[in-house]
Amino acid sequence: MLTEKKRKAIEFLEKLVYGRESIESLNKKLSEHFGEKIEVENVSKSREEAGDPDELVDYNLMFNSENEETYGYFDIYILPMRREGHDGATMFITEIGWEFD
């Protein structure tokens, strides 16, 4: 069952879709919203390191919320930008996913 806090978390995450961010700005926004220190992990990094930097495939950032009211696992799918934007953005957010416990 979705509580009001979980519903607000989903709404917040959905508003990130089609936005441009950097890892730093994304971590800051997530930390402020969830009320805890959040640092996303690029779980697609191994693909880059293996020499497969397919720029047409979404990358996957993941994080967990340890907050009792929003405890769960979250995915943020991104496309890396070829160069940093005028606003410091380095990625374009394409989709989000979540699983609450």
N, C-alpha and C. Protein backbone atom coordinates (compact mmCIF):
# COMPACT_ATOMS: atom_id res chain seq x y z
N MET A 1 0.83 -1.18 0.00
CA MET A 1 0.00 0.00 0.00
C MET A 1 0.88 1.25 0.00
N LEU A 2 0.50 2.21 -0.81
CA LEU A 2 1.26 3.45 -0.89
C LEU A 2 0.78 4.45 0.15
N THR A 3 1.70 4.87 1.00
CA THR A 3 1.39 5.92 1.97
C THR A 3 1.53 7.27 1.27
N GLU A 4 1.13 8.32 1.94
CA GLU A 4 1.26 9.67 1.38
C GLU A 4 2.72 10.01 1.11
N LYS A 5 3.62 9.65 2.02
CA LYS A 5 5.06 9.92 1.84
C LYS A 5 5.60 9.20 0.61
N LYS A 6 5.20 7.95 0.42
CA LYS A 6 5.66 7.19 -0.75
C LYS A 6 5.09 7.78 -2.03
N ARG A 7 3.85 8.19 -2.00
CA ARG A 7 3.22 8.81 -3.16
C ARG A 7 3.95 10.11 -3.54
N LYS A 8 4.31 10.89 -2.53
CA LYS A 8 5.05 12.14 -2.78
C LYS A 8 6.45 11.85 -3.33
N ALA A 9 7.07 10.77 -2.87
CA ALA A 9 8.39 10.39 -3.39
C ALA A 9 8.28 10.04 -4.87
N ILE A 10 7.24 9.29 -5.24
CA ILE A 10 7.04 8.92 -6.64
C ILE A 10 6.79 10.16 -7.48
N GLU A 11 5.95 11.06 -7.01
CA GLU A 11 5.68 12.29 -7.75
C GLU A 11 6.95 13.11 -7.94
N PHE A 12 7.77 13.21 -6.89
CA PHE A 12 9.04 13.93 -6.98
C PHE A 12 9.94 13.30 -8.05
N LEU A 13 10.08 11.98 -8.01
CA LEU A 13 10.94 11.29 -8.97
C LEU A 13 10.41 11.43 -10.40
N GLU A 14 9.11 11.33 -10.57
CA GLU A 14 8.52 11.47 -11.91
C GLU A 14 8.81 12.85 -12.50
N LYS A 15 8.88 13.87 -11.66
CA LYS A 15 9.17 15.23 -12.13
C LYS A 15 10.61 15.38 -12.60
N LEU A 16 11.48 14.46 -12.21
CA LEU A 16 12.87 14.50 -12.68
C LEU A 16 13.00 14.03 -14.13
N VAL A 17 12.04 13.22 -14.59
CA VAL A 17 12.10 12.65 -15.94
C VAL A 17 12.05 13.77 -16.98
N TYR A 18 12.87 13.65 -17.99
CA TYR A 18 13.08 14.61 -19.07
C TYR A 18 13.84 15.85 -18.61
N GLY A 19 14.46 15.74 -17.44
CA GLY A 19 15.28 16.83 -16.95
C GLY A 19 16.76 16.54 -17.16
N ARG A 20 17.56 17.58 -17.05
CA ARG A 20 19.02 17.47 -17.17
C ARG A 20 19.62 17.72 -15.80
N GLU A 21 20.58 16.88 -15.43
CA GLU A 21 21.22 16.98 -14.12
C GLU A 21 22.69 16.59 -14.24
N SER A 22 23.42 16.85 -13.19
CA SER A 22 24.75 16.27 -12.97
C SER A 22 24.58 15.31 -11.79
N ILE A 23 25.55 14.45 -11.57
CA ILE A 23 25.48 13.54 -10.42
C ILE A 23 25.35 14.34 -9.13
N GLU A 24 26.12 15.42 -9.03
CA GLU A 24 26.12 16.23 -7.81
C GLU A 24 24.75 16.86 -7.58
N SER A 25 24.18 17.48 -8.62
CA SER A 25 22.88 18.14 -8.45
C SER A 25 21.78 17.12 -8.17
N LEU A 26 21.87 15.95 -8.79
CA LEU A 26 20.88 14.90 -8.56
C LEU A 26 20.97 14.39 -7.11
N ASN A 27 22.18 14.12 -6.64
CA ASN A 27 22.36 13.68 -5.25
C ASN A 27 21.81 14.71 -4.27
N LYS A 28 22.05 15.98 -4.54
CA LYS A 28 21.57 17.05 -3.66
C LYS A 28 20.04 17.07 -3.63
N LYS A 29 19.40 17.02 -4.79
CA LYS A 29 17.93 17.03 -4.85
C LYS A 29 17.34 15.81 -4.14
N LEU A 30 17.92 14.64 -4.39
CA LEU A 30 17.42 13.43 -3.76
C LEU A 30 17.59 13.49 -2.24
N SER A 31 18.75 13.93 -1.78
CA SER A 31 19.02 14.03 -0.35
C SER A 31 18.04 14.99 0.33
N GLU A 32 17.79 16.12 -0.31
CA GLU A 32 16.85 17.10 0.26
C GLU A 32 15.44 16.52 0.32
N HIS A 33 15.02 15.85 -0.73
CA HIS A 33 13.65 15.31 -0.74
C HIS A 33 13.47 14.18 0.26
N PHE A 34 14.40 13.25 0.29
CA PHE A 34 14.26 12.07 1.15
C PHE A 34 14.69 12.33 2.60
N GLY A 35 15.36 13.46 2.85
CA GLY A 35 15.76 13.80 4.21
C GLY A 35 16.88 12.93 4.74
N GLU A 36 17.71 12.45 3.85
CA GLU A 36 18.87 11.62 4.22
C GLU A 36 19.92 11.78 3.13
N LYS A 37 21.16 11.41 3.44
CA LYS A 37 22.22 11.53 2.44
C LYS A 37 22.04 10.43 1.39
N ILE A 38 21.84 10.86 0.15
CA ILE A 38 21.68 9.93 -0.98
C ILE A 38 22.84 10.14 -1.95
N GLU A 39 23.45 9.06 -2.36
CA GLU A 39 24.46 9.09 -3.41
C GLU A 39 24.12 7.99 -4.40
N VAL A 40 23.75 8.40 -5.61
CA VAL A 40 23.41 7.40 -6.62
C VAL A 40 24.66 6.65 -7.05
N GLU A 41 24.46 5.41 -7.44
CA GLU A 41 25.56 4.57 -7.93
C GLU A 41 25.31 4.26 -9.39
N ASN A 42 26.32 4.50 -10.21
CA ASN A 42 26.21 4.19 -11.64
C ASN A 42 26.50 2.70 -11.83
N VAL A 43 25.45 1.90 -11.93
CA VAL A 43 25.64 0.46 -12.08
C VAL A 43 25.95 0.08 -13.52
N SER A 44 25.97 1.06 -14.41
CA SER A 44 26.33 0.81 -15.81
C SER A 44 27.81 1.07 -16.06
N LYS A 45 28.53 1.48 -15.03
CA LYS A 45 29.95 1.82 -15.17
C LYS A 45 30.76 0.66 -15.72
N SER A 46 30.40 -0.57 -15.34
CA SER A 46 31.15 -1.73 -15.82
C SER A 46 31.06 -1.87 -17.33
N ARG A 47 29.93 -1.44 -17.91
CA ARG A 47 29.78 -1.49 -19.36
C ARG A 47 30.76 -0.51 -20.02
N GLU A 48 30.91 0.66 -19.45
CA GLU A 48 31.87 1.64 -19.96
C GLU A 48 33.29 1.10 -19.86
N GLU A 49 33.61 0.54 -18.70
CA GLU A 49 34.95 0.03 -18.47
C GLU A 49 35.29 -1.14 -19.37
N ALA A 50 34.28 -1.87 -19.83
CA ALA A 50 34.49 -3.01 -20.73
C ALA A 50 34.63 -2.56 -22.18
N GLY A 51 34.57 -1.23 -22.41
CA GLY A 51 34.74 -0.72 -23.77
C GLY A 51 33.47 -0.75 -24.59
N ASP A 52 32.31 -0.69 -23.94
CA ASP A 52 31.03 -0.70 -24.65
C ASP A 52 30.24 0.57 -24.34
N PRO A 53 30.76 1.73 -24.72
CA PRO A 53 30.07 2.98 -24.40
C PRO A 53 28.97 3.31 -25.43
N ASP A 54 27.96 2.48 -25.51
CA ASP A 54 26.87 2.69 -26.46
C ASP A 54 26.04 3.88 -26.01
N GLU A 55 26.17 5.00 -26.70
CA GLU A 55 25.49 6.22 -26.27
C GLU A 55 24.00 6.22 -26.58
N LEU A 56 23.49 5.17 -27.21
CA LEU A 56 22.07 5.08 -27.49
C LEU A 56 21.32 4.20 -26.49
N VAL A 57 22.03 3.71 -25.48
CA VAL A 57 21.43 2.83 -24.48
C VAL A 57 21.38 3.58 -23.15
N ASP A 58 20.24 3.49 -22.48
CA ASP A 58 20.12 4.12 -21.16
C ASP A 58 21.12 3.53 -20.18
N TYR A 59 21.64 4.38 -19.32
CA TYR A 59 22.48 3.95 -18.21
C TYR A 59 21.58 3.88 -16.99
N ASN A 60 22.01 3.14 -15.99
CA ASN A 60 21.19 2.93 -14.81
C ASN A 60 21.91 3.44 -13.57
N LEU A 61 21.27 4.39 -12.88
CA LEU A 61 21.73 4.85 -11.58
C LEU A 61 20.80 4.26 -10.54
N MET A 62 21.35 3.83 -9.41
CA MET A 62 20.53 3.23 -8.37
C MET A 62 20.84 3.89 -7.02
N PHE A 63 19.82 3.87 -6.15
CA PHE A 63 20.03 4.29 -4.77
C PHE A 63 18.96 3.64 -3.89
N ASN A 64 19.24 3.61 -2.60
CA ASN A 64 18.31 3.09 -1.61
C ASN A 64 17.90 4.22 -0.69
N SER A 65 16.69 4.15 -0.16
CA SER A 65 16.27 5.04 0.91
C SER A 65 16.18 4.21 2.18
N GLU A 66 16.88 4.65 3.20
CA GLU A 66 16.85 3.97 4.50
C GLU A 66 15.81 4.60 5.42
N ASN A 67 15.22 5.70 4.99
CA ASN A 67 14.20 6.39 5.77
C ASN A 67 13.01 5.45 5.97
N GLU A 68 12.56 5.34 7.21
CA GLU A 68 11.49 4.40 7.54
C GLU A 68 10.22 4.62 6.70
N GLU A 69 9.92 5.87 6.38
CA GLU A 69 8.68 6.19 5.65
C GLU A 69 8.78 5.96 4.15
N THR A 70 10.00 5.92 3.63
CA THR A 70 10.19 5.75 2.18
C THR A 70 11.18 4.64 1.87
N TYR A 71 11.36 3.71 2.81
CA TYR A 71 12.35 2.64 2.64
C TYR A 71 12.08 1.89 1.34
N GLY A 72 13.13 1.81 0.49
CA GLY A 72 12.96 1.10 -0.77
C GLY A 72 14.17 1.24 -1.67
N TYR A 73 14.01 0.75 -2.87
CA TYR A 73 15.08 0.71 -3.88
C TYR A 73 14.60 1.48 -5.10
N PHE A 74 15.52 2.28 -5.67
CA PHE A 74 15.14 3.18 -6.75
C PHE A 74 16.12 3.10 -7.90
N ASP A 75 15.59 3.20 -9.12
CA ASP A 75 16.39 3.23 -10.34
C ASP A 75 16.11 4.54 -11.06
N ILE A 76 17.15 5.15 -11.58
CA ILE A 76 17.02 6.32 -12.43
C ILE A 76 17.77 6.01 -13.71
N TYR A 77 17.06 6.00 -14.82
CA TYR A 77 17.67 5.70 -16.11
C TYR A 77 18.03 7.01 -16.79
N ILE A 78 19.24 7.05 -17.33
CA ILE A 78 19.75 8.29 -17.91
C ILE A 78 20.44 8.03 -19.25
N LEU A 79 20.57 9.08 -20.01
CA LEU A 79 21.45 9.10 -21.18
C LEU A 79 22.55 10.10 -20.86
N PRO A 80 23.81 9.67 -20.88
CA PRO A 80 24.90 10.63 -20.64
C PRO A 80 24.96 11.63 -21.80
N MET A 81 25.27 12.86 -21.48
CA MET A 81 25.42 13.89 -22.52
C MET A 81 26.84 13.82 -23.07
N ARG A 82 27.01 14.15 -24.32
CA ARG A 82 28.34 14.10 -24.95
C ARG A 82 29.29 15.12 -24.36
N ARG A 83 28.74 16.26 -23.94
CA ARG A 83 29.55 17.28 -23.28
C ARG A 83 28.68 17.97 -22.23
N GLU A 84 29.34 18.54 -21.26
CA GLU A 84 28.64 19.21 -20.17
C GLU A 84 27.83 20.39 -20.71
N GLY A 85 26.61 20.51 -20.25
CA GLY A 85 25.75 21.61 -20.68
C GLY A 85 26.12 22.92 -20.02
N HIS A 86 25.55 24.00 -20.52
CA HIS A 86 25.82 25.33 -19.96
C HIS A 86 25.43 25.43 -18.49
N ASP A 87 24.52 24.56 -18.05
CA ASP A 87 24.05 24.56 -16.67
C ASP A 87 24.77 23.53 -15.80
N GLY A 88 25.82 22.89 -16.35
CA GLY A 88 26.59 21.89 -15.60
C GLY A 88 26.02 20.49 -15.71
N ALA A 89 24.92 20.34 -16.44
CA ALA A 89 24.29 19.02 -16.59
C ALA A 89 25.18 18.09 -17.40
N THR A 90 25.18 16.81 -17.00
CA THR A 90 25.96 15.80 -17.71
C THR A 90 25.11 14.61 -18.14
N MET A 91 23.80 14.66 -17.80
CA MET A 91 22.92 13.53 -18.13
C MET A 91 21.50 14.02 -18.37
N PHE A 92 20.76 13.22 -19.11
CA PHE A 92 19.35 13.46 -19.39
C PHE A 92 18.57 12.29 -18.78
N ILE A 93 17.65 12.56 -17.89
CA ILE A 93 16.89 11.51 -17.20
C ILE A 93 15.74 11.04 -18.09
N THR A 94 15.67 9.73 -18.33
CA THR A 94 14.67 9.19 -19.24
C THR A 94 13.55 8.41 -18.56
N GLU A 95 13.81 7.86 -17.40
CA GLU A 95 12.81 7.02 -16.75
C GLU A 95 13.21 6.78 -15.30
N ILE A 96 12.23 6.47 -14.47
CA ILE A 96 12.53 6.11 -13.09
C ILE A 96 11.78 4.82 -12.74
N GLY A 97 12.29 4.15 -11.72
CA GLY A 97 11.62 2.95 -11.22
C GLY A 97 11.79 2.89 -9.72
N TRP A 98 10.88 2.23 -9.03
CA TRP A 98 10.96 2.14 -7.58
C TRP A 98 10.34 0.84 -7.09
N GLU A 99 10.77 0.44 -5.91
CA GLU A 99 10.21 -0.72 -5.22
C GLU A 99 10.28 -0.43 -3.73
N PHE A 100 9.13 -0.27 -3.11
CA PHE A 100 9.07 -0.02 -1.67
C PHE A 100 8.96 -1.35 -0.94
N ASP A 101 9.58 -1.41 0.23
CA ASP A 101 9.45 -2.59 1.09
C ASP A 101 8.41 -2.36 2.15
